[in-house]
Amino acid sequence: MEISVLETEKKRIKPEDSKLGFGQFFTDHMFSMDYSEEKGWHDARIEPYSEISLLPAAMVFHYGQAIFEGLKAYRTPEGKIQLFRARDNFARFNRSAKGMCMPEIDVDFVMQALKKLILVEKNWVPGSDGTSLYIRPTMIATDSFLGVRASNTYRFFIILSPVAAYYAEGFNPLKIWVSTDHVRAVRGGVGEFKTAGNYAASLTAGTEAVEAGYAQVLWLDGIERKYIEEVGAMNIFFLMGDKLVTPELSGSILPGITRYSVIQLAQKWGITVSERKISIDELIEAEKAGELKEVFGSGTAAVISPVKEVRYGDKVIKIGDGTPGTLTMKLYNALTDIQYGKKEDTENWIEPI
């Protein structure tokens, strides 16, 4: 399939790196292609960033067939541009597609399309410390039909956004709030897929957390309401004694690409990593016993986010002295050094553009 290119006639004003924030600005162009049962994926194109025209009966609005990914491109000190584990993101995209009864994409072709799009928009890749080009591949159902079934037609698109740090706190430790009244997902549902509805389900609790002075929600399992699962936009890790513990993938937790990277690096450094169930009560007892050394979240948007406080009802769990822990800092530095090309990629995670 050929990729056509239609350049915009009116280019946007590119913001200064110091004004970026997260998810506020978008580049001049996007990649799009369409799917039908008769043609498969077709009409691959790079086109001006613009509105998408859909009929009011488009199935994405009514039955929630919408999936997406989040990955980044980074500018190295030499000015080159590179991707971090992009193929893993598109492999996860295909798992989400299969789970949501949507057509899979050809990873090699989409990688080619993404690289071509980024080359068209290369001047939008910021170069200041902590900045990057956020990449959002998305697929939506487009059939105009009211009735519960999978759509027969879809739109796939990729948009690009130059960004700074995800959290306003930057790398400063966060406070997170355990939701006791709401759950994000249950085993056997769609919690392990990156689908829009999972994030809609998190909004009420997320708003309550912010109103209480906390940055994110720490979710418990949807059945027993006692086992820790993930944070709103991140997987979660606990350094307990000399072991790094993270919730096992139970079918209701998103399998994070950064999560995999943290586990691989920690194991390479000789740290014992335990993927298992961990209850909120165990976390409380670990703090009482002085065993809870560090807590951090991991995700594409924030990379590594240290946590200084966890609130569960009236109980406030304090972690260390409120500053980023030694392992947290080491992981953050190791990952960002690879992403930005400051250190050798010994893990084969980088793909140059």
Protein backbone atom coordinates (compact mmCIF):
# COMPACT_ATOMS: atom_id res chain seq x y z
CA MET A 1 0.00 0.00 0.00
CA GLU A 2 1.36 3.39 -1.02
CA ILE A 3 1.29 6.32 1.39
CA SER A 4 0.17 9.55 -0.25
CA VAL A 5 1.21 12.91 1.19
CA LEU A 6 -0.94 16.04 1.12
CA GLU A 7 0.84 18.92 2.82
CA THR A 8 -1.08 21.64 4.60
CA GLU A 9 -1.34 25.08 3.03
CA LYS A 10 -1.46 26.84 6.41
CA LYS A 11 1.11 25.80 8.99
CA ARG A 12 0.59 26.25 12.72
CA ILE A 13 2.76 28.35 14.98
CA LYS A 14 5.11 25.99 16.79
CA PRO A 15 5.21 26.77 20.54
CA GLU A 16 8.42 27.34 22.44
CA ASP A 17 9.63 24.33 24.41
CA SER A 18 9.09 26.21 27.67
CA LYS A 19 5.35 26.64 26.88
CA LEU A 20 4.53 23.05 25.93
CA GLY A 21 2.72 21.40 28.84
CA PHE A 22 1.18 18.04 27.90
CA GLY A 23 -1.30 17.27 25.12
CA GLN A 24 -2.14 20.89 24.31
CA PHE A 25 -0.48 21.39 20.93
CA PHE A 26 -0.63 19.32 17.74
CA THR A 27 1.50 19.23 14.62
CA ASP A 28 0.47 20.23 11.11
CA HIS A 29 -0.13 16.73 9.76
CA MET A 30 -1.58 13.34 10.72
CA PHE A 31 -1.53 9.85 9.24
CA SER A 32 -4.84 8.18 8.37
CA MET A 33 -6.10 5.01 6.72
CA ASP A 34 -9.48 3.31 6.48
CA TYR A 35 -10.75 -0.25 6.79
CA SER A 36 -13.66 -2.12 5.26
CA GLU A 37 -14.38 -5.84 5.09
CA GLU A 38 -14.20 -5.67 1.29
CA LYS A 39 -10.93 -3.74 0.93
CA GLY A 40 -9.14 -4.33 4.21
CA TRP A 41 -6.89 -1.40 5.18
CA HIS A 42 -6.70 1.14 2.35
CA ASP A 43 -6.22 4.80 1.43
CA ALA A 44 -3.11 5.33 3.55
CA ARG A 45 -2.28 9.02 3.65
CA ILE A 46 -0.44 11.79 5.42
CA GLU A 47 -2.79 14.75 5.44
CA PRO A 48 -3.32 18.07 7.24
CA TYR A 49 -4.36 17.77 10.89
CA SER A 50 -8.09 18.51 10.72
CA GLU A 51 -11.56 17.48 11.78
CA ILE A 52 -12.82 13.94 11.17
CA SER A 53 -16.31 13.82 9.66
CA LEU A 54 -18.57 11.13 11.16
CA LEU A 55 -22.31 10.61 11.06
CA PRO A 56 -24.23 10.86 14.36
CA ALA A 57 -24.94 7.11 14.18
CA ALA A 58 -21.25 6.19 13.93
CA MET A 59 -20.84 3.17 16.16
CA VAL A 60 -17.88 4.56 18.11
CA PHE A 61 -20.27 7.03 19.76
CA HIS A 62 -22.75 4.39 20.85
CA TYR A 63 -20.89 1.15 21.51
CA GLY A 64 -17.41 2.27 22.47
CA GLN A 65 -15.16 0.56 19.91
CA ALA A 66 -12.18 2.88 20.35
CA ILE A 67 -8.59 1.96 21.16
CA PHE A 68 -5.37 3.92 21.27
CA GLU A 69 -1.69 3.86 22.19
CA GLY A 70 0.81 6.30 23.59
CA LEU A 71 4.48 6.36 22.65
CA LYS A 72 7.18 8.96 22.11
CA ALA A 73 9.90 10.15 19.77
CA TYR A 74 12.99 11.76 21.32
CA ARG A 75 15.65 14.13 20.03
CA THR A 76 19.22 13.14 20.88
CA PRO A 77 22.02 15.58 21.81
CA GLU A 78 23.25 15.24 18.20
CA GLY A 79 19.84 16.32 16.90
CA LYS A 80 18.77 12.88 15.66
CA ILE A 81 15.25 11.53 16.29
CA GLN A 82 14.53 8.09 17.71
CA LEU A 83 11.65 5.94 18.93
CA PHE A 84 11.54 3.89 22.14
CA ARG A 85 9.99 0.38 21.93
CA ALA A 86 7.50 1.53 19.31
CA ARG A 87 6.95 -1.97 17.92
CA ASP A 88 5.96 -3.15 21.40
CA ASN A 89 3.34 -0.41 21.53
CA PHE A 90 1.89 -1.47 18.19
CA ALA A 91 1.92 -5.12 19.26
CA ARG A 92 -0.12 -4.08 22.32
CA PHE A 93 -2.37 -2.05 20.00
CA ASN A 94 -3.12 -5.24 18.10
CA ARG A 95 -3.93 -7.07 21.35
CA SER A 96 -6.37 -4.28 22.17
CA ALA A 97 -7.84 -4.52 18.66
CA LYS A 98 -8.38 -8.25 19.00
CA GLY A 99 -9.93 -7.80 22.45
CA MET A 100 -12.32 -5.14 21.17
CA CYS A 101 -13.29 -7.12 18.03
CA MET A 102 -11.47 -4.71 15.71
CA PRO A 103 -9.12 -5.41 12.78
CA GLU A 104 -5.40 -5.66 13.46
CA ILE A 105 -2.84 -3.45 11.74
CA ASP A 106 0.36 -4.46 9.93
CA VAL A 107 3.03 -3.36 12.41
CA ASP A 108 5.79 -3.05 9.80
CA PHE A 109 3.61 -0.89 7.55
CA VAL A 110 2.45 1.35 10.39
CA MET A 111 6.05 1.76 11.57
CA GLN A 112 6.94 2.89 8.04
CA ALA A 113 4.01 5.32 8.05
CA LEU A 114 4.92 6.69 11.49
CA LYS A 115 8.53 7.32 10.48
CA LYS A 116 7.40 9.06 7.30
CA LEU A 117 4.98 11.24 9.30
CA ILE A 118 7.66 12.19 11.84
CA LEU A 119 10.08 13.10 9.05
CA VAL A 120 7.43 15.41 7.60
CA GLU A 121 7.03 16.94 11.09
CA LYS A 122 10.68 16.71 12.21
CA ASN A 123 10.84 20.39 13.16
CA TRP A 124 8.11 19.74 15.76
CA VAL A 125 10.28 17.33 17.77
CA PRO A 126 11.44 19.46 20.73
CA GLY A 127 15.01 19.29 21.98
CA SER A 128 14.95 20.72 25.50
CA ASP A 129 15.52 18.51 28.54
CA GLY A 130 12.41 16.52 29.46
CA THR A 131 10.54 17.27 26.23
CA SER A 132 9.52 14.81 23.52
CA LEU A 133 7.07 14.23 20.69
CA TYR A 134 4.06 12.31 22.00
CA ILE A 135 2.53 9.92 19.46
CA ARG A 136 -1.13 8.89 19.66
CA PRO A 137 -2.24 6.05 17.31
CA THR A 138 -6.02 5.55 17.49
CA MET A 139 -8.68 3.33 15.90
CA ILE A 140 -12.42 4.02 15.96
CA ALA A 141 -15.51 2.25 14.61
CA THR A 142 -17.19 4.19 11.80
CA ASP A 143 -20.26 2.18 10.68
CA SER A 144 -23.43 4.27 10.74
CA PHE A 145 -25.67 1.75 12.51
CA LEU A 146 -27.65 1.43 15.72
CA GLY A 147 -27.45 -2.13 16.99
CA VAL A 148 -25.02 -3.97 19.22
CA ARG A 149 -22.44 -5.64 16.99
CA ALA A 150 -18.90 -5.03 15.84
CA SER A 151 -18.49 -2.38 13.18
CA ASN A 152 -17.53 -3.38 9.64
CA THR A 153 -15.59 -0.17 8.95
CA TYR A 154 -12.88 1.65 10.90
CA ARG A 155 -10.60 4.67 10.80
CA PHE A 156 -6.99 4.45 12.02
CA PHE A 157 -5.04 7.64 12.58
CA ILE A 158 -1.88 8.92 14.23
CA ILE A 159 -1.57 12.41 15.64
CA LEU A 160 1.54 14.03 17.11
CA SER A 161 1.94 16.42 20.03
CA PRO A 162 5.14 18.07 21.32
CA VAL A 163 5.09 17.74 25.11
CA ALA A 164 6.89 18.50 28.34
CA ALA A 165 6.38 16.63 31.63
CA TYR A 166 3.04 14.82 32.08
CA TYR A 167 2.56 15.88 35.69
CA ALA A 168 2.78 19.52 36.77
CA GLU A 169 4.95 18.27 39.64
CA GLY A 170 7.55 17.05 37.11
CA PHE A 171 9.80 14.49 38.82
CA ASN A 172 8.75 15.65 42.28
CA PRO A 173 7.09 12.84 44.27
CA LEU A 174 3.32 12.49 43.94
CA LYS A 175 0.57 11.81 46.43
CA ILE A 176 -1.89 9.11 45.32
CA TRP A 177 -5.34 8.25 46.65
CA VAL A 178 -6.85 4.76 46.94
CA SER A 179 -10.42 4.61 45.67
CA THR A 180 -12.72 2.57 47.91
CA ASP A 181 -16.01 3.47 46.20
CA HIS A 182 -15.09 2.90 42.55
CA VAL A 183 -13.33 0.25 40.48
CA ARG A 184 -11.63 0.66 37.12
CA ALA A 185 -12.02 -2.83 35.65
CA VAL A 186 -12.65 -6.50 36.47
CA ARG A 187 -11.06 -9.72 35.28
CA GLY A 188 -12.81 -11.00 32.18
CA GLY A 189 -13.58 -7.46 31.03
CA VAL A 190 -11.52 -5.02 28.97
CA GLY A 191 -9.17 -3.69 31.66
CA GLU A 192 -6.08 -5.13 29.97
CA PHE A 193 -6.84 -3.31 26.70
CA LYS A 194 -6.10 0.34 26.03
CA THR A 195 -9.67 1.26 25.19
CA ALA A 196 -11.35 4.61 25.72
CA GLY A 197 -14.03 3.28 28.08
CA ASN A 198 -11.46 2.32 30.71
CA TYR A 199 -10.45 5.95 31.01
CA ALA A 200 -14.05 7.17 31.11
CA ALA A 201 -14.59 4.76 34.01
CA SER A 202 -11.75 6.44 35.92
CA LEU A 203 -12.92 10.04 35.69
CA THR A 204 -15.22 10.27 38.71
CA ALA A 205 -12.68 8.79 41.11
CA GLY A 206 -9.92 10.82 39.50
CA THR A 207 -11.87 14.03 40.08
CA GLU A 208 -12.48 13.07 43.71
CA ALA A 209 -8.76 12.41 44.18
CA VAL A 210 -7.77 15.81 42.77
CA GLU A 211 -10.36 17.54 44.96
CA ALA A 212 -8.79 15.80 47.97
CA GLY A 213 -5.35 17.09 46.97
CA TYR A 214 -3.99 13.94 45.29
CA ALA A 215 -2.52 13.59 41.80
CA GLN A 216 -3.85 10.16 40.83
CA VAL A 217 -6.05 7.24 41.88
CA LEU A 218 -4.56 3.93 43.00
CA TRP A 219 -7.07 1.29 41.95
CA LEU A 220 -7.96 -1.86 43.87
CA ASP A 221 -9.28 -5.02 42.23
CA GLY A 222 -12.95 -5.00 41.27
CA ILE A 223 -13.89 -8.25 43.04
CA GLU A 224 -12.48 -8.28 46.55
CA ARG A 225 -11.59 -4.58 46.67
CA LYS A 226 -8.32 -5.33 48.48
CA TYR A 227 -5.59 -6.09 45.94
CA ILE A 228 -3.64 -3.23 44.36
CA GLU A 229 -3.85 -3.02 40.57
CA GLU A 230 -2.55 0.17 38.91
CA VAL A 231 -2.56 3.96 39.09
CA GLY A 232 -4.74 6.01 36.75
CA ALA A 233 -2.07 6.51 34.07
CA MET A 234 0.69 4.21 35.30
CA ASN A 235 1.62 0.79 36.57
CA ILE A 236 2.85 0.75 40.19
CA PHE A 237 5.97 -0.64 41.89
CA PHE A 238 6.94 -1.06 45.56
CA LEU A 239 10.45 -1.59 46.92
CA MET A 240 9.78 -3.76 49.96
CA GLY A 241 12.96 -4.70 51.76
CA ASP A 242 15.32 -5.71 48.96
CA LYS A 243 12.57 -6.90 46.57
CA LEU A 244 10.80 -4.91 43.88
CA VAL A 245 7.11 -5.88 43.91
CA THR A 246 4.49 -5.06 41.28
CA PRO A 247 0.93 -6.39 40.82
CA GLU A 248 0.72 -9.41 38.55
CA LEU A 249 -1.09 -9.05 35.24
CA SER A 250 -4.46 -10.51 36.13
CA GLY A 251 -6.49 -9.53 33.06
CA SER A 252 -7.67 -6.21 34.50
CA ILE A 253 -4.31 -4.40 34.44
CA LEU A 254 -2.80 -2.72 31.38
CA PRO A 255 0.52 -4.42 30.49
CA GLY A 256 2.71 -1.34 30.36
CA ILE A 257 5.68 -1.06 28.01
CA THR A 258 7.58 0.97 30.61
CA ARG A 259 6.59 -1.65 33.20
CA TYR A 260 8.33 -4.31 31.11
CA SER A 261 11.37 -2.05 30.79
CA VAL A 262 11.59 -1.48 34.56
CA ILE A 263 11.39 -5.22 35.25
CA GLN A 264 14.08 -6.00 32.66
CA LEU A 265 16.47 -3.37 33.99
CA ALA A 266 15.93 -4.29 37.64
CA GLN A 267 16.54 -7.96 36.96
CA LYS A 268 19.65 -7.11 34.94
CA TRP A 269 20.94 -5.22 37.99
CA GLY A 270 20.44 -8.27 40.20
CA ILE A 271 17.29 -7.04 41.93
CA THR A 272 14.64 -9.64 42.73
CA VAL A 273 11.38 -8.67 41.02
CA SER A 274 8.15 -10.22 42.22
CA GLU A 275 5.00 -9.99 40.09
CA ARG A 276 2.24 -11.06 42.47
CA LYS A 277 -0.88 -10.01 44.29
CA ILE A 278 -0.25 -7.34 46.90
CA SER A 279 -3.05 -6.15 49.16
CA ILE A 280 -3.47 -2.67 50.55
CA ASP A 281 -3.29 -4.21 54.03
CA GLU A 282 0.12 -5.69 53.20
CA LEU A 283 1.29 -2.25 52.11
CA ILE A 284 0.15 -0.74 55.41
CA GLU A 285 1.92 -3.46 57.38
CA ALA A 286 5.10 -3.03 55.33
CA GLU A 287 5.15 0.66 56.22
CA LYS A 288 4.63 -0.13 59.92
CA ALA A 289 7.49 -2.65 59.84
CA GLY A 290 9.82 -0.21 58.06
CA GLU A 291 10.00 -2.47 55.00
CA LEU A 292 8.38 -0.08 52.51
CA LYS A 293 11.38 1.74 51.07
CA GLU A 294 10.20 3.25 47.77
CA VAL A 295 7.05 3.53 45.64
CA PHE A 296 6.92 4.71 42.03
CA GLY A 297 4.69 4.57 38.99
CA SER A 298 5.79 3.76 35.44
CA GLY A 299 4.27 4.78 32.13
CA THR A 300 5.05 6.25 28.73
CA ALA A 301 3.77 9.73 29.54
CA ALA A 302 5.65 10.24 32.83
CA VAL A 303 8.34 7.49 32.47
CA ILE A 304 8.95 7.08 36.23
CA SER A 305 6.97 8.99 38.87
CA PRO A 306 8.11 8.76 42.51
CA VAL A 307 5.34 8.52 45.12
CA LYS A 308 5.68 10.04 48.58
CA GLU A 309 2.24 9.34 50.04
CA VAL A 310 -0.63 6.87 49.64
CA ARG A 311 -3.97 7.61 51.28
CA TYR A 312 -6.42 4.79 52.04
CA GLY A 313 -9.49 6.04 53.84
CA ASP A 314 -8.24 7.74 57.01
CA LYS A 315 -4.87 5.99 56.78
CA VAL A 316 -1.97 7.92 55.24
CA ILE A 317 1.06 5.83 54.22
CA LYS A 318 4.25 7.89 54.07
CA ILE A 319 7.11 6.64 51.90
CA GLY A 320 10.64 7.43 53.02
CA ASP A 321 11.50 11.08 53.60
CA GLY A 322 9.31 12.31 50.74
CA THR A 323 12.10 12.53 48.17
CA PRO A 324 12.74 10.19 45.20
CA GLY A 325 14.40 6.95 46.32
CA THR A 326 17.75 5.66 45.09
CA LEU A 327 16.30 2.90 42.89
CA THR A 328 13.58 5.21 41.55
CA MET A 329 16.24 7.72 40.49
CA LYS A 330 18.46 5.02 38.99
CA LEU A 331 15.60 3.63 36.88
CA TYR A 332 14.49 7.07 35.74
CA ASN A 333 18.01 8.04 34.72
CA ALA A 334 18.68 4.73 32.97
CA LEU A 335 15.45 4.87 30.94
CA THR A 336 15.68 8.53 29.97
CA ASP A 337 19.37 8.23 29.08
CA ILE A 338 18.47 5.46 26.62
CA GLN A 339 15.41 7.31 25.29
CA TYR A 340 17.33 10.52 24.65
CA GLY A 341 20.41 8.78 23.27
CA LYS A 342 22.70 9.87 26.10
CA LYS A 343 23.75 6.29 26.86
CA GLU A 344 24.17 3.18 24.75
CA ASP A 345 21.02 1.18 24.12
CA THR A 346 22.14 -2.22 25.37
CA GLU A 347 18.56 -3.60 25.32
CA ASN A 348 17.76 -3.05 21.62
CA TRP A 349 14.84 -0.78 22.52
CA ILE A 350 15.65 2.15 20.23
CA GLU A 351 14.64 2.50 16.59
CA PRO A 352 16.16 5.49 14.77
CA ILE A 353 14.23 7.60 12.30
